[in-house]
Amino acid sequence: MTGDREHAVFEAGIKLGALYHQWVGTPISRASAASIESAIEKAVILQPCVEAITVRLDRSLMTENRFGYSELSGMMFDAEIVTRVGFAYCRARLSPDKGYPLMKIVDCHEIQNNSHN
């Protein structure tokens, strides 16, 4: 059996993995990047356990093909998510690290529940 902290970590990992695999390959340009960032944030925030999400895409990696657009790649992502289960919070990130789009846990903590029954 796992606790709330482990569940929050699991949810963060699942959300970032889904975000990555759902959006990589999407046609994108520097002109459309802001709307794609917003669409990703609005989609992910709807999911259970998600408290916050911020997505930034590296426009310098968006090089147009002969049809005038690029394809979203994992190296373009700088995404941070906060998940919550009970009183446990997890902050995780997807961002480039030494040439790889790495997902990692940044911080996890539990807030003491001081309510009395």
N, C-alpha and C. Protein backbone atom coordinates (compact mmCIF):
# COMPACT_ATOMS: atom_id res chain seq x y z
N MET A 1 0.84 -1.19 0.00
CA MET A 1 0.00 0.00 0.00
C MET A 1 0.89 1.25 0.00
N THR A 2 0.49 2.23 -0.77
CA THR A 2 1.27 3.46 -0.85
C THR A 2 0.54 4.59 -0.14
N GLY A 3 1.31 5.59 0.24
CA GLY A 3 0.75 6.75 0.89
C GLY A 3 0.44 7.85 -0.12
N ASP A 4 -0.06 8.95 0.40
CA ASP A 4 -0.41 10.08 -0.45
C ASP A 4 0.80 10.64 -1.19
N ARG A 5 1.95 10.68 -0.53
CA ARG A 5 3.16 11.23 -1.17
C ARG A 5 3.53 10.40 -2.40
N GLU A 6 3.56 9.10 -2.25
CA GLU A 6 3.90 8.22 -3.38
C GLU A 6 2.86 8.33 -4.49
N HIS A 7 1.60 8.47 -4.11
CA HIS A 7 0.54 8.61 -5.10
C HIS A 7 0.71 9.92 -5.87
N ALA A 8 1.06 11.01 -5.18
CA ALA A 8 1.29 12.30 -5.84
C ALA A 8 2.46 12.21 -6.82
N VAL A 9 3.52 11.49 -6.44
CA VAL A 9 4.67 11.30 -7.33
C VAL A 9 4.24 10.50 -8.55
N PHE A 10 3.50 9.42 -8.34
CA PHE A 10 3.00 8.61 -9.45
C PHE A 10 2.17 9.45 -10.41
N GLU A 11 1.25 10.23 -9.88
CA GLU A 11 0.39 11.07 -10.73
C GLU A 11 1.21 12.06 -11.54
N ALA A 12 2.23 12.66 -10.95
CA ALA A 12 3.09 13.60 -11.68
C ALA A 12 3.79 12.90 -12.84
N GLY A 13 4.32 11.71 -12.58
CA GLY A 13 5.00 10.96 -13.63
C GLY A 13 4.07 10.56 -14.76
N ILE A 14 2.90 10.10 -14.41
CA ILE A 14 1.91 9.70 -15.42
C ILE A 14 1.51 10.90 -16.27
N LYS A 15 1.27 12.04 -15.62
CA LYS A 15 0.83 13.23 -16.36
C LYS A 15 1.91 13.72 -17.31
N LEU A 16 3.16 13.77 -16.85
CA LEU A 16 4.24 14.23 -17.73
C LEU A 16 4.48 13.25 -18.88
N GLY A 17 4.42 11.96 -18.59
CA GLY A 17 4.59 10.96 -19.65
C GLY A 17 3.50 11.06 -20.70
N ALA A 18 2.27 11.24 -20.26
CA ALA A 18 1.15 11.38 -21.20
C ALA A 18 1.30 12.66 -22.01
N LEU A 19 1.66 13.75 -21.34
CA LEU A 19 1.85 15.04 -22.03
C LEU A 19 2.90 14.87 -23.13
N TYR A 20 4.02 14.28 -22.79
CA TYR A 20 5.11 14.10 -23.75
C TYR A 20 4.63 13.30 -24.96
N HIS A 21 4.07 12.14 -24.72
CA HIS A 21 3.71 11.25 -25.83
C HIS A 21 2.50 11.72 -26.61
N GLN A 22 1.64 12.49 -25.99
CA GLN A 22 0.47 13.01 -26.70
C GLN A 22 0.84 14.14 -27.65
N TRP A 23 1.78 14.99 -27.27
CA TRP A 23 2.04 16.21 -28.03
C TRP A 23 3.25 16.17 -28.95
N VAL A 24 4.23 15.30 -28.68
CA VAL A 24 5.40 15.22 -29.57
C VAL A 24 4.94 14.87 -30.97
N GLY A 25 5.44 15.61 -31.94
CA GLY A 25 5.06 15.41 -33.34
C GLY A 25 4.00 16.38 -33.82
N THR A 26 3.42 17.14 -32.90
CA THR A 26 2.41 18.13 -33.28
C THR A 26 3.02 19.18 -34.20
N PRO A 27 2.38 19.52 -35.28
CA PRO A 27 2.86 20.61 -36.12
C PRO A 27 2.86 21.92 -35.31
N ILE A 28 3.96 22.67 -35.40
CA ILE A 28 4.10 23.88 -34.59
C ILE A 28 4.97 24.89 -35.33
N SER A 29 4.75 26.14 -35.01
CA SER A 29 5.60 27.22 -35.52
C SER A 29 5.80 28.21 -34.39
N ARG A 30 6.70 29.13 -34.59
CA ARG A 30 6.89 30.17 -33.55
C ARG A 30 5.61 30.96 -33.35
N ALA A 31 4.86 31.15 -34.43
CA ALA A 31 3.60 31.90 -34.34
C ALA A 31 2.51 31.14 -33.58
N SER A 32 2.55 29.82 -33.62
CA SER A 32 1.50 29.03 -32.95
C SER A 32 1.93 28.50 -31.59
N ALA A 33 3.19 28.70 -31.20
CA ALA A 33 3.72 28.11 -29.96
C ALA A 33 2.92 28.50 -28.72
N ALA A 34 2.57 29.76 -28.60
CA ALA A 34 1.82 30.21 -27.41
C ALA A 34 0.47 29.51 -27.31
N SER A 35 -0.20 29.33 -28.43
CA SER A 35 -1.50 28.66 -28.38
C SER A 35 -1.35 27.17 -28.05
N ILE A 36 -0.27 26.55 -28.48
CA ILE A 36 -0.01 25.14 -28.14
C ILE A 36 0.32 25.03 -26.65
N GLU A 37 1.15 25.94 -26.14
CA GLU A 37 1.46 25.94 -24.70
C GLU A 37 0.17 26.03 -23.89
N SER A 38 -0.69 26.96 -24.28
CA SER A 38 -1.96 27.15 -23.57
C SER A 38 -2.86 25.92 -23.68
N ALA A 39 -2.93 25.33 -24.86
CA ALA A 39 -3.77 24.14 -25.05
C ALA A 39 -3.30 22.99 -24.17
N ILE A 40 -1.99 22.79 -24.10
CA ILE A 40 -1.44 21.71 -23.26
C ILE A 40 -1.80 21.97 -21.80
N GLU A 41 -1.58 23.21 -21.34
CA GLU A 41 -1.89 23.55 -19.94
C GLU A 41 -3.38 23.35 -19.64
N LYS A 42 -4.24 23.80 -20.54
CA LYS A 42 -5.68 23.67 -20.32
C LYS A 42 -6.15 22.23 -20.34
N ALA A 43 -5.48 21.38 -21.11
CA ALA A 43 -5.84 19.96 -21.16
C ALA A 43 -5.37 19.23 -19.90
N VAL A 44 -4.13 19.48 -19.49
CA VAL A 44 -3.56 18.74 -18.37
C VAL A 44 -4.22 19.15 -17.04
N ILE A 45 -4.54 20.43 -16.88
CA ILE A 45 -5.11 20.90 -15.61
C ILE A 45 -6.47 20.26 -15.33
N LEU A 46 -7.13 19.75 -16.35
CA LEU A 46 -8.44 19.10 -16.17
C LEU A 46 -8.33 17.75 -15.47
N GLN A 47 -7.16 17.14 -15.50
CA GLN A 47 -6.99 15.78 -15.00
C GLN A 47 -6.97 15.74 -13.47
N PRO A 48 -7.39 14.62 -12.90
CA PRO A 48 -7.39 14.48 -11.45
C PRO A 48 -5.99 14.67 -10.86
N CYS A 49 -5.94 15.25 -9.69
CA CYS A 49 -4.73 15.44 -8.89
C CYS A 49 -3.82 16.57 -9.38
N VAL A 50 -4.13 17.22 -10.48
CA VAL A 50 -3.27 18.29 -11.00
C VAL A 50 -3.68 19.62 -10.36
N GLU A 51 -2.72 20.24 -9.68
CA GLU A 51 -2.95 21.54 -9.05
C GLU A 51 -2.49 22.69 -9.93
N ALA A 52 -1.40 22.48 -10.68
CA ALA A 52 -0.86 23.54 -11.53
C ALA A 52 0.01 22.92 -12.62
N ILE A 53 0.08 23.61 -13.74
CA ILE A 53 0.95 23.18 -14.85
C ILE A 53 1.40 24.42 -15.61
N THR A 54 2.66 24.45 -15.95
CA THR A 54 3.23 25.52 -16.77
C THR A 54 4.02 24.86 -17.89
N VAL A 55 3.75 25.27 -19.12
CA VAL A 55 4.45 24.72 -20.28
C VAL A 55 5.07 25.86 -21.06
N ARG A 56 6.37 25.75 -21.32
CA ARG A 56 7.07 26.67 -22.19
C ARG A 56 7.78 25.84 -23.25
N LEU A 57 7.71 26.30 -24.48
CA LEU A 57 8.33 25.61 -25.60
C LEU A 57 9.47 26.45 -26.15
N ASP A 58 10.60 25.83 -26.38
CA ASP A 58 11.80 26.53 -26.86
C ASP A 58 11.64 26.85 -28.35
N ARG A 59 11.32 28.09 -28.61
CA ARG A 59 11.08 28.52 -29.99
C ARG A 59 12.34 28.49 -30.84
N SER A 60 13.52 28.56 -30.20
CA SER A 60 14.76 28.54 -30.98
C SER A 60 14.98 27.20 -31.68
N LEU A 61 14.30 26.15 -31.22
CA LEU A 61 14.43 24.83 -31.84
C LEU A 61 13.40 24.60 -32.94
N MET A 62 12.54 25.58 -33.15
CA MET A 62 11.48 25.44 -34.16
C MET A 62 12.00 25.94 -35.51
N THR A 63 12.48 25.02 -36.30
CA THR A 63 12.98 25.36 -37.63
C THR A 63 11.97 24.88 -38.66
N GLU A 64 11.57 25.77 -39.52
CA GLU A 64 10.52 25.47 -40.49
C GLU A 64 11.00 24.47 -41.54
N ASN A 65 10.11 23.52 -41.85
CA ASN A 65 10.36 22.63 -42.97
C ASN A 65 9.89 23.35 -44.25
N ARG A 66 9.91 22.68 -45.36
CA ARG A 66 9.55 23.34 -46.63
C ARG A 66 8.09 23.75 -46.69
N PHE A 67 7.28 23.25 -45.73
CA PHE A 67 5.86 23.63 -45.68
C PHE A 67 5.58 24.74 -44.67
N GLY A 68 6.62 25.22 -44.02
CA GLY A 68 6.49 26.38 -43.15
C GLY A 68 6.21 26.10 -41.69
N TYR A 69 6.41 24.85 -41.24
CA TYR A 69 6.21 24.57 -39.83
C TYR A 69 7.27 23.58 -39.35
N SER A 70 7.31 23.39 -38.05
CA SER A 70 8.21 22.45 -37.41
C SER A 70 7.36 21.39 -36.72
N GLU A 71 7.99 20.38 -36.17
CA GLU A 71 7.28 19.39 -35.37
C GLU A 71 7.76 19.50 -33.94
N LEU A 72 6.82 19.50 -33.01
CA LEU A 72 7.15 19.58 -31.59
C LEU A 72 7.99 18.38 -31.18
N SER A 73 9.13 18.65 -30.55
CA SER A 73 10.01 17.57 -30.09
C SER A 73 10.16 17.66 -28.58
N GLY A 74 10.57 16.56 -27.99
CA GLY A 74 10.75 16.52 -26.55
C GLY A 74 11.75 17.54 -26.04
N MET A 75 12.74 17.86 -26.85
CA MET A 75 13.76 18.83 -26.43
C MET A 75 13.22 20.25 -26.35
N MET A 76 12.06 20.50 -26.92
CA MET A 76 11.46 21.84 -26.87
C MET A 76 10.74 22.10 -25.56
N PHE A 77 10.41 21.05 -24.81
CA PHE A 77 9.60 21.20 -23.61
C PHE A 77 10.37 21.74 -22.42
N ASP A 78 9.75 22.64 -21.71
CA ASP A 78 10.10 23.01 -20.34
C ASP A 78 8.76 23.08 -19.63
N ALA A 79 8.38 21.98 -19.00
CA ALA A 79 7.07 21.87 -18.36
C ALA A 79 7.25 21.54 -16.89
N GLU A 80 6.45 22.19 -16.08
CA GLU A 80 6.47 21.90 -14.65
C GLU A 80 5.04 21.65 -14.20
N ILE A 81 4.86 20.61 -13.38
CA ILE A 81 3.54 20.23 -12.92
C ILE A 81 3.57 20.07 -11.40
N VAL A 82 2.45 20.42 -10.78
CA VAL A 82 2.27 20.18 -9.35
C VAL A 82 1.04 19.30 -9.20
N THR A 83 1.25 18.16 -8.53
CA THR A 83 0.13 17.27 -8.25
C THR A 83 -0.11 17.24 -6.75
N ARG A 84 -1.35 16.91 -6.40
CA ARG A 84 -1.71 16.84 -4.98
C ARG A 84 -2.60 15.63 -4.75
N VAL A 85 -2.28 14.88 -3.72
CA VAL A 85 -3.12 13.78 -3.26
C VAL A 85 -3.22 13.94 -1.75
N GLY A 86 -4.42 14.15 -1.26
CA GLY A 86 -4.58 14.43 0.17
C GLY A 86 -3.84 15.69 0.53
N PHE A 87 -2.90 15.56 1.46
CA PHE A 87 -2.08 16.71 1.87
C PHE A 87 -0.66 16.62 1.33
N ALA A 88 -0.44 15.75 0.34
CA ALA A 88 0.88 15.58 -0.26
C ALA A 88 0.95 16.27 -1.61
N TYR A 89 2.04 16.96 -1.83
CA TYR A 89 2.26 17.69 -3.07
C TYR A 89 3.55 17.19 -3.73
N CYS A 90 3.52 17.13 -5.05
CA CYS A 90 4.71 16.76 -5.82
C CYS A 90 4.88 17.77 -6.95
N ARG A 91 6.09 18.28 -7.08
CA ARG A 91 6.44 19.16 -8.19
C ARG A 91 7.43 18.40 -9.07
N ALA A 92 7.10 18.25 -10.35
CA ALA A 92 7.94 17.51 -11.28
C ALA A 92 8.15 18.34 -12.53
N ARG A 93 9.18 17.97 -13.28
CA ARG A 93 9.55 18.77 -14.45
C ARG A 93 9.98 17.90 -15.62
N LEU A 94 9.64 18.36 -16.80
CA LEU A 94 10.12 17.80 -18.06
C LEU A 94 10.91 18.90 -18.74
N SER A 95 12.21 18.68 -18.92
CA SER A 95 13.05 19.69 -19.57
C SER A 95 14.32 19.01 -20.09
N PRO A 96 14.99 19.67 -21.04
CA PRO A 96 16.22 19.09 -21.58
C PRO A 96 17.31 19.00 -20.51
N ASP A 97 18.01 17.88 -20.53
CA ASP A 97 19.14 17.68 -19.61
C ASP A 97 20.19 16.87 -20.36
N LYS A 98 21.29 17.52 -20.71
CA LYS A 98 22.40 16.87 -21.43
C LYS A 98 21.92 16.19 -22.70
N GLY A 99 21.09 16.88 -23.46
CA GLY A 99 20.66 16.38 -24.76
C GLY A 99 19.51 15.38 -24.72
N TYR A 100 18.82 15.27 -23.58
CA TYR A 100 17.71 14.33 -23.44
C TYR A 100 16.54 15.02 -22.75
N PRO A 101 15.30 14.80 -23.20
CA PRO A 101 14.14 15.40 -22.53
C PRO A 101 13.82 14.61 -21.25
N LEU A 102 14.39 15.05 -20.14
CA LEU A 102 14.34 14.30 -18.88
C LEU A 102 13.15 14.72 -18.01
N MET A 103 12.49 13.73 -17.45
CA MET A 103 11.43 13.96 -16.47
C MET A 103 12.01 13.67 -15.10
N LYS A 104 11.79 14.59 -14.15
CA LYS A 104 12.34 14.37 -12.82
C LYS A 104 11.45 15.00 -11.75
N ILE A 105 11.53 14.44 -10.57
CA ILE A 105 10.83 14.97 -9.41
C ILE A 105 11.69 16.10 -8.86
N VAL A 106 11.10 17.27 -8.68
CA VAL A 106 11.82 18.42 -8.18
C VAL A 106 11.65 18.54 -6.66
N ASP A 107 10.44 18.29 -6.17
CA ASP A 107 10.15 18.46 -4.75
C ASP A 107 8.89 17.68 -4.41
N CYS A 108 8.88 17.07 -3.25
CA CYS A 108 7.69 16.42 -2.71
C CYS A 108 7.61 16.73 -1.23
N HIS A 109 6.43 17.06 -0.78
CA HIS A 109 6.27 17.31 0.65
C HIS A 109 4.81 17.09 1.04
N GLU A 110 4.63 16.91 2.32
CA GLU A 110 3.29 16.78 2.88
C GLU A 110 3.06 17.93 3.83
N ILE A 111 1.86 18.47 3.80
CA ILE A 111 1.45 19.52 4.72
C ILE A 111 0.70 18.86 5.85
N GLN A 112 1.04 19.22 7.04
CA GLN A 112 0.38 18.62 8.21
C GLN A 112 -1.09 19.01 8.24
N ASN A 113 -1.92 18.03 8.44
CA ASN A 113 -3.35 18.26 8.60
C ASN A 113 -3.61 18.50 10.07
N ASN A 114 -3.89 19.75 10.41
CA ASN A 114 -4.09 20.11 11.82
C ASN A 114 -5.56 20.11 12.23
N SER A 115 -6.43 19.61 11.38
CA SER A 115 -7.85 19.57 11.75
C SER A 115 -8.07 18.49 12.79
N HIS A 116 -8.98 18.74 13.66
CA HIS A 116 -9.30 17.80 14.71
C HIS A 116 -10.70 17.25 14.48
N ASN A 117 -10.85 15.95 14.62
CA ASN A 117 -12.16 15.32 14.43
C ASN A 117 -12.89 15.22 15.72
